[in-house]
Amino acid sequence: MNKTFIDKLALIQIENRKVMLNWETGKTVWIMPGGKRETSESDIEALSRELREELSIDLQISTVKLLGVYEGQAHGKPEGTIVRITCYTGKYAGEVKPNPPVEKIGWVDSTELKLSIPGKMLIKDLKSKDLID
């Protein structure tokens, strides 16, 4: 079977032992805030743009650190479509205000079941590091 890869970037924010995730129109699982790179964008440029567009926040570039890479079957895509999400932590300025396609944000812990495969991997990793409940 041929694999197709979707390359994405995400910002991981943890507060009160919960992680911030997005709920997008038409989705049935929580997803990580961020998105895809445009031609010639670096990870940080793309992540910063996506966060401005989707959540109305400005990433503070000097605070950004790589957290990890999670990959698995892409939710709602044909079998063999793998999403690879490079996750960063960092601070941001502004108040989170969801813009389409993001309907809402939520703060979830390890009991949340409505997650993509990479989302489940992230939650498991954060729980094993005792960062979330």
Protein backbone atom coordinates (compact mmCIF):
# COMPACT_ATOMS: atom_id res chain seq x y z
CA MET A 1 0.00 0.00 0.00
CA ASN A 2 1.30 3.45 -0.93
CA LYS A 3 1.31 5.97 1.86
CA THR A 4 0.42 9.60 1.41
CA PHE A 5 1.72 12.08 3.97
CA ILE A 6 0.07 15.25 5.21
CA ASP A 7 2.58 17.52 6.94
CA LYS A 8 1.16 19.77 9.67
CA LEU A 9 2.39 22.00 12.48
CA ALA A 10 0.75 22.58 15.85
CA LEU A 11 1.05 24.67 18.99
CA ILE A 12 0.60 22.76 22.22
CA GLN A 13 -0.59 24.80 25.19
CA ILE A 14 -1.08 23.29 28.63
CA GLU A 15 -2.91 25.07 31.44
CA ASN A 16 -4.33 23.64 34.65
CA ARG A 17 -3.13 20.17 33.56
CA LYS A 18 -5.23 20.27 30.37
CA VAL A 19 -4.22 20.80 26.73
CA MET A 20 -5.88 23.27 24.36
CA LEU A 21 -7.40 21.70 21.23
CA ASN A 22 -9.62 22.94 18.38
CA TRP A 23 -12.99 21.73 17.18
CA GLU A 24 -13.44 22.52 13.48
CA THR A 25 -16.59 22.64 11.38
CA GLY A 26 -17.35 19.21 9.94
CA LYS A 27 -14.89 17.36 12.20
CA THR A 28 -15.84 14.68 14.72
CA VAL A 29 -12.63 14.85 16.75
CA TRP A 30 -10.59 17.47 18.58
CA ILE A 31 -7.50 18.54 16.66
CA MET A 32 -4.32 20.40 17.51
CA PRO A 33 -4.22 24.15 16.76
CA GLY A 34 -2.12 24.88 13.69
CA GLY A 35 -2.09 23.83 10.08
CA LYS A 36 -0.12 23.31 6.90
CA ARG A 37 2.91 25.10 5.57
CA GLU A 38 2.64 27.26 2.45
CA THR A 39 5.39 27.26 -0.16
CA SER A 40 8.74 28.46 1.22
CA GLU A 41 7.44 29.00 4.80
CA SER A 42 9.47 27.75 7.73
CA ASP A 43 7.72 25.78 10.47
CA ILE A 44 7.57 28.84 12.71
CA GLU A 45 6.37 31.19 9.96
CA ALA A 46 3.60 28.77 9.01
CA LEU A 47 2.57 28.07 12.59
CA SER A 48 2.51 31.78 13.40
CA ARG A 49 0.33 32.52 10.33
CA GLU A 50 -2.06 29.67 11.07
CA LEU A 51 -2.52 30.77 14.69
CA ARG A 52 -3.24 34.36 13.62
CA GLU A 53 -5.77 33.16 11.02
CA GLU A 54 -7.55 30.53 13.12
CA LEU A 55 -7.26 31.78 16.72
CA SER A 56 -6.42 35.51 16.43
CA ILE A 57 -3.24 35.13 18.48
CA ASP A 58 0.37 36.13 17.82
CA LEU A 59 3.03 33.54 18.49
CA GLN A 60 5.99 34.91 20.45
CA ILE A 61 8.73 33.50 18.25
CA SER A 62 11.52 33.69 20.87
CA THR A 63 9.60 31.32 23.18
CA VAL A 64 8.95 28.52 20.66
CA LYS A 65 10.44 25.09 21.40
CA LEU A 66 10.01 21.75 19.66
CA LEU A 67 7.87 19.32 21.69
CA GLY A 68 7.77 16.33 19.36
CA VAL A 69 6.42 14.78 16.17
CA TYR A 70 3.33 12.56 16.15
CA GLU A 71 2.09 10.67 13.13
CA GLY A 72 -0.68 8.27 12.34
CA GLN A 73 -3.63 7.56 10.08
CA ALA A 74 -5.31 10.85 9.15
CA HIS A 75 -8.86 11.10 10.51
CA GLY A 76 -11.50 10.94 7.78
CA LYS A 77 -8.97 10.27 5.01
CA PRO A 78 -8.43 7.11 2.93
CA GLU A 79 -6.46 4.29 4.56
CA GLY A 80 -2.73 4.94 4.16
CA THR A 81 -3.07 8.71 4.43
CA ILE A 82 -0.70 9.56 7.26
CA VAL A 83 -0.67 12.90 9.05
CA ARG A 84 2.65 13.96 10.54
CA ILE A 85 2.24 16.75 13.09
CA THR A 86 5.32 18.60 14.31
CA CYS A 87 4.35 20.09 17.67
CA TYR A 88 5.81 23.11 19.37
CA THR A 89 5.26 24.84 22.69
CA GLY A 90 5.49 28.58 23.11
CA LYS A 91 3.82 31.68 24.42
CA TYR A 92 1.42 33.87 22.51
CA ALA A 93 -0.04 37.36 22.77
CA GLY A 94 -3.72 38.15 22.48
CA GLU A 95 -6.96 36.51 23.46
CA VAL A 96 -7.90 33.24 21.77
CA LYS A 97 -10.86 33.94 19.45
CA PRO A 98 -11.76 31.07 17.10
CA ASN A 99 -12.19 31.95 13.43
CA PRO A 100 -13.61 29.60 10.76
CA PRO A 101 -13.04 26.75 10.27
CA VAL A 102 -12.42 26.57 14.04
CA GLU A 103 -15.78 26.53 15.87
CA LYS A 104 -14.42 26.44 19.42
CA ILE A 105 -11.45 25.62 21.55
CA GLY A 106 -11.49 23.23 24.47
CA TRP A 107 -9.21 22.25 27.30
CA VAL A 108 -9.01 18.46 27.49
CA ASP A 109 -7.30 15.86 29.64
CA SER A 110 -6.46 12.21 29.15
CA THR A 111 -10.08 11.13 29.57
CA GLU A 112 -11.11 12.73 26.25
CA LEU A 113 -12.07 10.10 23.67
CA LYS A 114 -12.87 12.20 20.59
CA LEU A 115 -9.31 12.47 19.27
CA SER A 116 -7.46 11.66 16.06
CA ILE A 117 -4.73 9.02 16.21
CA PRO A 118 -1.95 11.65 16.47
CA GLY A 119 -4.10 13.43 19.07
CA LYS A 120 -4.28 10.25 21.12
CA MET A 121 -0.52 9.88 20.81
CA LEU A 122 -0.02 13.47 22.02
CA ILE A 123 -2.36 12.99 24.99
CA LYS A 124 -0.67 9.71 25.95
CA ASP A 125 2.76 11.39 25.77
CA LEU A 126 1.68 14.41 27.84
CA LYS A 127 0.08 12.11 30.43
CA SER A 128 3.23 9.94 30.65
CA LYS A 129 5.26 13.11 31.32
CA ASP A 130 2.75 14.05 34.08
CA LEU A 131 1.86 17.29 32.27
CA ILE A 132 -1.89 16.63 32.07
CA ASP A 133 -4.43 14.68 34.13
